[in-house]
């Protein structure tokens, strides 16, 4: 689509990579501040499947969402 072409011409990352980056930033913020289930975090960040969300999160940050959340929730 048009946005994908613009990202390819002017950006340093592909559009889908940018979308994933934004979703992961939102997930990190939610996990740091709120006591929500992983399923709820995944849905709020645009992931229809919490298992997929967990795989993507772990691949990017080296921790599961639960492990990441535990660091901030005490």
PDB file of N, CA and C in Angstrom:
ATOM      1  N   UNK A   1       0.822  -1.183   0.000  1.00  0.00           N
ATOM      2  CA  UNK A   1       0.000   0.000   0.000  1.00  0.00           C
ATOM      3  C   UNK A   1       0.869   1.251   0.000  1.00  0.00           C
ATOM      4  N   UNK A   2       0.241   2.388   0.034  1.00  0.00           N
ATOM      5  CA  UNK A   2       0.958   3.658  -0.080  1.00  0.00           C
ATOM      6  C   UNK A   2       1.920   3.883   1.091  1.00  0.00           C
ATOM      7  N   UNK A   3       1.467   3.607   2.313  1.00  0.00           N
ATOM      8  CA  UNK A   3       2.345   3.796   3.473  1.00  0.00           C
ATOM      9  C   UNK A   3       3.566   2.890   3.414  1.00  0.00           C
ATOM     10  N   UNK A   4       3.375   1.674   2.996  1.00  0.00           N
ATOM     11  CA  UNK A   4       4.499   0.747   2.881  1.00  0.00           C
ATOM     12  C   UNK A   4       5.531   1.263   1.897  1.00  0.00           C
ATOM     13  N   UNK A   5       5.068   1.817   0.795  1.00  0.00           N
ATOM     14  CA  UNK A   5       5.984   2.374  -0.200  1.00  0.00           C
ATOM     15  C   UNK A   5       6.735   3.577   0.352  1.00  0.00           C
ATOM     16  N   UNK A   6       6.027   4.441   1.090  1.00  0.00           N
ATOM     17  CA  UNK A   6       6.686   5.602   1.685  1.00  0.00           C
ATOM     18  C   UNK A   6       7.755   5.178   2.688  1.00  0.00           C
ATOM     19  N   UNK A   7       7.449   4.186   3.509  1.00  0.00           N
ATOM     20  CA  UNK A   7       8.437   3.694   4.463  1.00  0.00           C
ATOM     21  C   UNK A   7       9.643   3.118   3.737  1.00  0.00           C
ATOM     22  N   UNK A   8       9.406   2.402   2.663  1.00  0.00           N
ATOM     23  CA  UNK A   8      10.501   1.810   1.906  1.00  0.00           C
ATOM     24  C   UNK A   8      11.397   2.883   1.295  1.00  0.00           C
ATOM     25  N   UNK A   9      10.807   3.976   0.853  1.00  0.00           N
ATOM     26  CA  UNK A   9      11.574   5.037   0.207  1.00  0.00           C
ATOM     27  C   UNK A   9      12.316   5.916   1.207  1.00  0.00           C
ATOM     28  N   UNK A  10      11.698   6.180   2.365  1.00  0.00           N
ATOM     29  CA  UNK A  10      12.232   7.202   3.261  1.00  0.00           C
ATOM     30  C   UNK A  10      12.631   6.708   4.644  1.00  0.00           C
ATOM     31  N   UNK A  11      12.234   5.534   4.995  1.00  0.00           N
ATOM     32  CA  UNK A  11      12.472   5.074   6.359  1.00  0.00           C
ATOM     33  C   UNK A  11      13.641   4.122   6.474  1.00  0.00           C
ATOM     34  N   UNK A  12      13.987   3.851   7.710  1.00  0.00           N
ATOM     35  CA  UNK A  12      15.048   2.888   7.976  1.00  0.00           C
ATOM     36  C   UNK A  12      14.481   1.516   8.332  1.00  0.00           C
ATOM     37  N   UNK A  13      13.163   1.437   8.455  1.00  0.00           N
ATOM     38  CA  UNK A  13      12.511   0.158   8.730  1.00  0.00           C
ATOM     39  C   UNK A  13      11.258   0.036   7.874  1.00  0.00           C
ATOM     40  N   UNK A  14      10.838  -1.194   7.686  1.00  0.00           N
ATOM     41  CA  UNK A  14       9.611  -1.419   6.923  1.00  0.00           C
ATOM     42  C   UNK A  14       8.409  -1.028   7.764  1.00  0.00           C
ATOM     43  N   UNK A  15       7.294  -0.793   7.091  1.00  0.00           N
ATOM     44  CA  UNK A  15       6.080  -0.358   7.780  1.00  0.00           C
ATOM     45  C   UNK A  15       5.651  -1.361   8.844  1.00  0.00           C
ATOM     46  N   UNK A  16       5.663  -2.644   8.513  1.00  0.00           N
ATOM     47  CA  UNK A  16       5.228  -3.663   9.467  1.00  0.00           C
ATOM     48  C   UNK A  16       6.153  -3.711  10.677  1.00  0.00           C
ATOM     49  N   UNK A  17       7.446  -3.452  10.472  1.00  0.00           N
ATOM     50  CA  UNK A  17       8.386  -3.393  11.589  1.00  0.00           C
ATOM     51  C   UNK A  17       8.071  -2.206  12.493  1.00  0.00           C
ATOM     52  N   UNK A  18       7.693  -1.083  11.886  1.00  0.00           N
ATOM     53  CA  UNK A  18       7.318   0.097  12.659  1.00  0.00           C
ATOM     54  C   UNK A  18       6.063  -0.184  13.488  1.00  0.00           C
ATOM     55  N   UNK A  19       5.079  -0.809  12.875  1.00  0.00           N
ATOM     56  CA  UNK A  19       3.843  -1.144  13.591  1.00  0.00           C
ATOM     57  C   UNK A  19       4.160  -2.056  14.771  1.00  0.00           C
ATOM     58  N   UNK A  20       5.001  -3.052  14.558  1.00  0.00           N
ATOM     59  CA  UNK A  20       5.382  -3.965  15.638  1.00  0.00           C
ATOM     60  C   UNK A  20       6.123  -3.207  16.743  1.00  0.00           C
ATOM     61  N   UNK A  21       7.012  -2.278  16.364  1.00  0.00           N
ATOM     62  CA  UNK A  21       7.748  -1.473  17.339  1.00  0.00           C
ATOM     63  C   UNK A  21       6.788  -0.653  18.204  1.00  0.00           C
ATOM     64  N   UNK A  22       5.789  -0.030  17.568  1.00  0.00           N
ATOM     65  CA  UNK A  22       4.800   0.764  18.310  1.00  0.00           C
ATOM     66  C   UNK A  22       4.003  -0.131  19.256  1.00  0.00           C
ATOM     67  N   UNK A  23       3.591  -1.283  18.785  1.00  0.00           N
ATOM     68  CA  UNK A  23       2.827  -2.217  19.625  1.00  0.00           C
ATOM     69  C   UNK A  23       3.648  -2.696  20.818  1.00  0.00           C
ATOM     70  N   UNK A  24       4.920  -2.986  20.590  1.00  0.00           N
ATOM     71  CA  UNK A  24       5.772  -3.451  21.680  1.00  0.00           C
ATOM     72  C   UNK A  24       6.043  -2.336  22.690  1.00  0.00           C
ATOM     73  N   UNK A  25       6.190  -1.109  22.228  1.00  0.00           N
ATOM     74  CA  UNK A  25       6.370   0.022  23.150  1.00  0.00           C
ATOM     75  C   UNK A  25       5.136   0.189  24.028  1.00  0.00           C
ATOM     76  N   UNK A  26       3.971   0.059  23.432  1.00  0.00           N
ATOM     77  CA  UNK A  26       2.726   0.157  24.198  1.00  0.00           C
ATOM     78  C   UNK A  26       2.628  -0.993  25.200  1.00  0.00           C
ATOM     79  N   UNK A  27       2.991  -2.196  24.768  1.00  0.00           N
ATOM     80  CA  UNK A  27       2.943  -3.360  25.659  1.00  0.00           C
ATOM     81  C   UNK A  27       3.864  -3.160  26.858  1.00  0.00           C
ATOM     82  N   UNK A  28       5.067  -2.668  26.621  1.00  0.00           N
ATOM     83  CA  UNK A  28       6.002  -2.425  27.725  1.00  0.00           C
ATOM     84  C   UNK A  28       5.427  -1.427  28.720  1.00  0.00           C
ATOM     85  N   UNK A  29       4.833  -0.364  28.220  1.00  0.00           N
ATOM     86  CA  UNK A  29       4.246   0.648  29.097  1.00  0.00           C
ATOM     87  C   UNK A  29       3.116   0.047  29.939  1.00  0.00           C
ATOM     88  N   UNK A  30       2.247  -0.720  29.301  1.00  0.00           N
ATOM     89  CA  UNK A  30       1.128  -1.339  30.020  1.00  0.00           C
ATOM     90  C   UNK A  30       1.646  -2.317  31.077  1.00  0.00           C
ATOM     91  N   UNK A  31       2.619  -3.142  30.710  1.00  0.00           N
ATOM     92  CA  UNK A  31       3.156  -4.126  31.646  1.00  0.00           C
ATOM     93  C   UNK A  31       3.846  -3.464  32.835  1.00  0.00           C
ATOM     94  N   UNK A  32       4.422  -2.293  32.623  1.00  0.00           N
ATOM     95  CA  UNK A  32       5.096  -1.580  33.710  1.00  0.00           C
ATOM     96  C   UNK A  32       4.105  -0.936  34.673  1.00  0.00           C
ATOM     97  N   UNK A  33       2.974  -0.463  34.159  1.00  0.00           N
ATOM     98  CA  UNK A  33       2.088   0.383  34.957  1.00  0.00           C
ATOM     99  C   UNK A  33       0.817  -0.278  35.470  1.00  0.00           C
ATOM    100  N   UNK A  34       0.355  -1.322  34.803  1.00  0.00           N
ATOM    101  CA  UNK A  34      -0.963  -1.868  35.127  1.00  0.00           C
ATOM    102  C   UNK A  34      -0.903  -3.358  35.437  1.00  0.00           C
ATOM    103  N   UNK A  35      -1.809  -3.818  36.244  1.00  0.00           N
ATOM    104  CA  UNK A  35      -1.941  -5.239  36.576  1.00  0.00           C
ATOM    105  C   UNK A  35      -3.015  -5.845  35.672  1.00  0.00           C
ATOM    106  N   UNK A  36      -2.642  -6.165  34.459  1.00  0.00           N
ATOM    107  CA  UNK A  36      -3.579  -6.770  33.508  1.00  0.00           C
ATOM    108  C   UNK A  36      -3.072  -8.147  33.116  1.00  0.00           C
ATOM    109  N   UNK A  37      -3.983  -8.991  32.675  1.00  0.00           N
ATOM    110  CA  UNK A  37      -3.576 -10.307  32.185  1.00  0.00           C
ATOM    111  C   UNK A  37      -2.808 -10.140  30.877  1.00  0.00           C
ATOM    112  N   UNK A  38      -2.005 -11.131  30.565  1.00  0.00           N
ATOM    113  CA  UNK A  38      -1.248 -11.104  29.314  1.00  0.00           C
ATOM    114  C   UNK A  38      -2.210 -11.067  28.132  1.00  0.00           C
ATOM    115  N   UNK A  39      -3.314 -11.789  28.249  1.00  0.00           N
ATOM    116  CA  UNK A  39      -4.325 -11.779  27.188  1.00  0.00           C
ATOM    117  C   UNK A  39      -4.856 -10.363  26.966  1.00  0.00           C
ATOM    118  N   UNK A  40      -5.140  -9.653  28.050  1.00  0.00           N
ATOM    119  CA  UNK A  40      -5.656  -8.283  27.946  1.00  0.00           C
ATOM    120  C   UNK A  40      -4.612  -7.344  27.334  1.00  0.00           C
ATOM    121  N   UNK A  41      -3.366  -7.487  27.734  1.00  0.00           N
ATOM    122  CA  UNK A  41      -2.291  -6.659  27.168  1.00  0.00           C
ATOM    123  C   UNK A  41      -2.175  -6.922  25.671  1.00  0.00           C
ATOM    124  N   UNK A  42      -2.193  -8.192  25.297  1.00  0.00           N
ATOM    125  CA  UNK A  42      -2.088  -8.552  23.879  1.00  0.00           C
ATOM    126  C   UNK A  42      -3.214  -7.918  23.073  1.00  0.00           C
ATOM    127  N   UNK A  43      -4.433  -8.012  23.570  1.00  0.00           N
ATOM    128  CA  UNK A  43      -5.569  -7.426  22.852  1.00  0.00           C
ATOM    129  C   UNK A  43      -5.445  -5.918  22.744  1.00  0.00           C
ATOM    130  N   UNK A  44      -5.049  -5.258  23.822  1.00  0.00           N
ATOM    131  CA  UNK A  44      -4.930  -3.798  23.808  1.00  0.00           C
ATOM    132  C   UNK A  44      -3.834  -3.315  22.863  1.00  0.00           C
ATOM    133  N   UNK A  45      -2.890  -4.194  22.564  1.00  0.00           N
ATOM    134  CA  UNK A  45      -1.784  -3.824  21.680  1.00  0.00           C
ATOM    135  C   UNK A  45      -1.974  -4.327  20.251  1.00  0.00           C
ATOM    136  N   UNK A  46      -3.142  -4.861  19.956  1.00  0.00           N
ATOM    137  CA  UNK A  46      -3.450  -5.255  18.586  1.00  0.00           C
ATOM    138  C   UNK A  46      -3.058  -6.663  18.204  1.00  0.00           C
ATOM    139  N   UNK A  47      -2.781  -7.504  19.181  1.00  0.00           N
ATOM    140  CA  UNK A  47      -2.461  -8.903  18.910  1.00  0.00           C
ATOM    141  C   UNK A  47      -3.691  -9.749  19.212  1.00  0.00           C
ATOM    142  N   UNK A  48      -4.274 -10.389  18.214  1.00  0.00           N
ATOM    143  CA  UNK A  48      -5.473 -11.193  18.451  1.00  0.00           C
ATOM    144  C   UNK A  48      -5.181 -12.491  19.206  1.00  0.00           C
ATOM    145  N   UNK A  49      -3.915 -12.894  19.251  1.00  0.00           N
ATOM    146  CA  UNK A  49      -3.522 -14.164  19.855  1.00  0.00           C
ATOM    147  C   UNK A  49      -2.444 -13.900  20.908  1.00  0.00           C
ATOM    148  N   UNK A  50      -2.714 -14.212  22.162  1.00  0.00           N
ATOM    149  CA  UNK A  50      -1.746 -13.926  23.222  1.00  0.00           C
ATOM    150  C   UNK A  50      -0.495 -14.802  23.117  1.00  0.00           C
ATOM    151  N   UNK A  51      -0.610 -16.002  22.555  1.00  0.00           N
ATOM    152  CA  UNK A  51       0.579 -16.840  22.359  1.00  0.00           C
ATOM    153  C   UNK A  51       1.546 -16.186  21.374  1.00  0.00           C
ATOM    154  N   UNK A  52       1.006 -15.654  20.296  1.00  0.00           N
ATOM    155  CA  UNK A  52       1.842 -14.956  19.314  1.00  0.00           C
ATOM    156  C   UNK A  52       2.472 -13.721  19.949  1.00  0.00           C
ATOM    157  N   UNK A  53       1.686 -12.971  20.718  1.00  0.00           N
ATOM    158  CA  UNK A  53       2.206 -11.798  21.418  1.00  0.00           C
ATOM    159  C   UNK A  53       3.387 -12.194  22.302  1.00  0.00           C
ATOM    160  N   UNK A  54       3.246 -13.277  23.049  1.00  0.00           N
ATOM    161  CA  UNK A  54       4.320 -13.723  23.939  1.00  0.00           C
ATOM    162  C   UNK A  54       5.582 -14.090  23.165  1.00  0.00           C
ATOM    163  N   UNK A  55       5.425 -14.760  22.030  1.00  0.00           N
ATOM    164  CA  UNK A  55       6.582 -15.127  21.211  1.00  0.00           C
ATOM    165  C   UNK A  55       7.295 -13.892  20.680  1.00  0.00           C
ATOM    166  N   UNK A  56       6.528 -12.930  20.160  1.00  0.00           N
ATOM    167  CA  UNK A  56       7.117 -11.702  19.615  1.00  0.00           C
ATOM    168  C   UNK A  56       7.810 -10.917  20.726  1.00  0.00           C
ATOM    169  N   UNK A  57       7.161 -10.806  21.874  1.00  0.00           N
ATOM    170  CA  UNK A  57       7.725 -10.057  22.996  1.00  0.00           C
ATOM    171  C   UNK A  57       9.039 -10.692  23.446  1.00  0.00           C
ATOM    172  N   UNK A  58       9.039 -11.999  23.621  1.00  0.00           N
ATOM    173  CA  UNK A  58      10.254 -12.686  24.076  1.00  0.00           C
ATOM    174  C   UNK A  58      11.381 -12.568  23.057  1.00  0.00           C
ATOM    175  N   UNK A  59      11.045 -12.675  21.782  1.00  0.00           N
ATOM    176  CA  UNK A  59      12.050 -12.549  20.728  1.00  0.00           C
ATOM    177  C   UNK A  59      12.691 -11.158  20.760  1.00  0.00           C
ATOM    178  N   UNK A  60      11.892 -10.137  21.027  1.00  0.00           N
ATOM    179  CA  UNK A  60      12.397  -8.768  20.995  1.00  0.00           C
ATOM    180  C   UNK A  60      13.140  -8.380  22.273  1.00  0.00           C
ATOM    181  N   UNK A  61      12.665  -8.833  23.438  1.00  0.00           N
ATOM    182  CA  UNK A  61      13.220  -8.357  24.700  1.00  0.00           C
ATOM    183  C   UNK A  61      13.943  -9.420  25.527  1.00  0.00           C
ATOM    184  N   UNK A  62      13.860 -10.678  25.116  1.00  0.00           N
ATOM    185  CA  UNK A  62      14.556 -11.733  25.840  1.00  0.00           C
ATOM    186  C   UNK A  62      13.881 -12.176  27.127  1.00  0.00           C
ATOM    187  N   UNK A  63      12.679 -11.677  27.370  1.00  0.00           N
ATOM    188  CA  UNK A  63      11.876 -12.043  28.536  1.00  0.00           C
ATOM    189  C   UNK A  63      10.448 -12.289  28.086  1.00  0.00           C
ATOM    190  N   UNK A  64       9.731 -13.115  28.837  1.00  0.00           N
ATOM    191  CA  UNK A  64       8.302 -13.231  28.561  1.00  0.00           C
ATOM    192  C   UNK A  64       7.616 -11.978  29.095  1.00  0.00           C
ATOM    193  N   UNK A  65       6.419 -11.675  28.629  1.00  0.00           N
ATOM    194  CA  UNK A  65       5.695 -10.529  29.189  1.00  0.00           C
ATOM    195  C   UNK A  65       5.503 -10.649  30.703  1.00  0.00           C
ATOM    196  N   UNK A  66       5.259 -11.858  31.187  1.00  0.00           N
ATOM    197  CA  UNK A  66       5.097 -12.066  32.623  1.00  0.00           C
ATOM    198  C   UNK A  66       6.372 -11.755  33.399  1.00  0.00           C
ATOM    199  N   UNK A  67       7.515 -12.194  32.874  1.00  0.00           N
ATOM    200  CA  UNK A  67       8.796 -11.897  33.515  1.00  0.00           C
ATOM    201  C   UNK A  67       9.074 -10.396  33.504  1.00  0.00           C
ATOM    202  N   UNK A  68       8.777  -9.766  32.389  1.00  0.00           N
ATOM    203  CA  UNK A  68       8.984  -8.317  32.272  1.00  0.00           C
ATOM    204  C   UNK A  68       8.112  -7.577  33.277  1.00  0.00           C
ATOM    205  N   UNK A  69       6.856  -7.949  33.350  1.00  0.00           N
ATOM    206  CA  UNK A  69       5.914  -7.314  34.269  1.00  0.00           C
ATOM    207  C   UNK A  69       6.352  -7.483  35.721  1.00  0.00           C
ATOM    208  N   UNK A  70       6.844  -8.668  36.070  1.00  0.00           N
ATOM    209  CA  UNK A  70       7.262  -8.950  37.444  1.00  0.00           C
ATOM    210  C   UNK A  70       8.387  -8.031  37.897  1.00  0.00           C
ATOM    211  N   UNK A  71       9.217  -7.598  36.984  1.00  0.00           N
ATOM    212  CA  UNK A  71      10.309  -6.687  37.337  1.00  0.00           C
ATOM    213  C   UNK A  71       9.792  -5.333  37.816  1.00  0.00           C
ATOM    214  N   UNK A  72       8.611  -4.953  37.363  1.00  0.00           N
ATOM    215  CA  UNK A  72       8.064  -3.645  37.711  1.00  0.00           C
ATOM    216  C   UNK A  72       6.967  -3.721  38.766  1.00  0.00           C
ATOM    217  N   UNK A  73       6.359  -4.873  38.917  1.00  0.00           N
ATOM    218  CA  UNK A  73       5.248  -5.010  39.855  1.00  0.00           C
ATOM    219  C   UNK A  73       5.719  -5.414  41.246  1.00  0.00           C
ATOM    220  N   UNK A  74       6.984  -5.736  41.363  1.00  0.00           N
ATOM    221  CA  UNK A  74       7.529  -6.082  42.675  1.00  0.00           C
ATOM    222  C   UNK A  74       7.322  -7.495  42.949  1.00  0.00           C
TER     223      UNK A  74
END
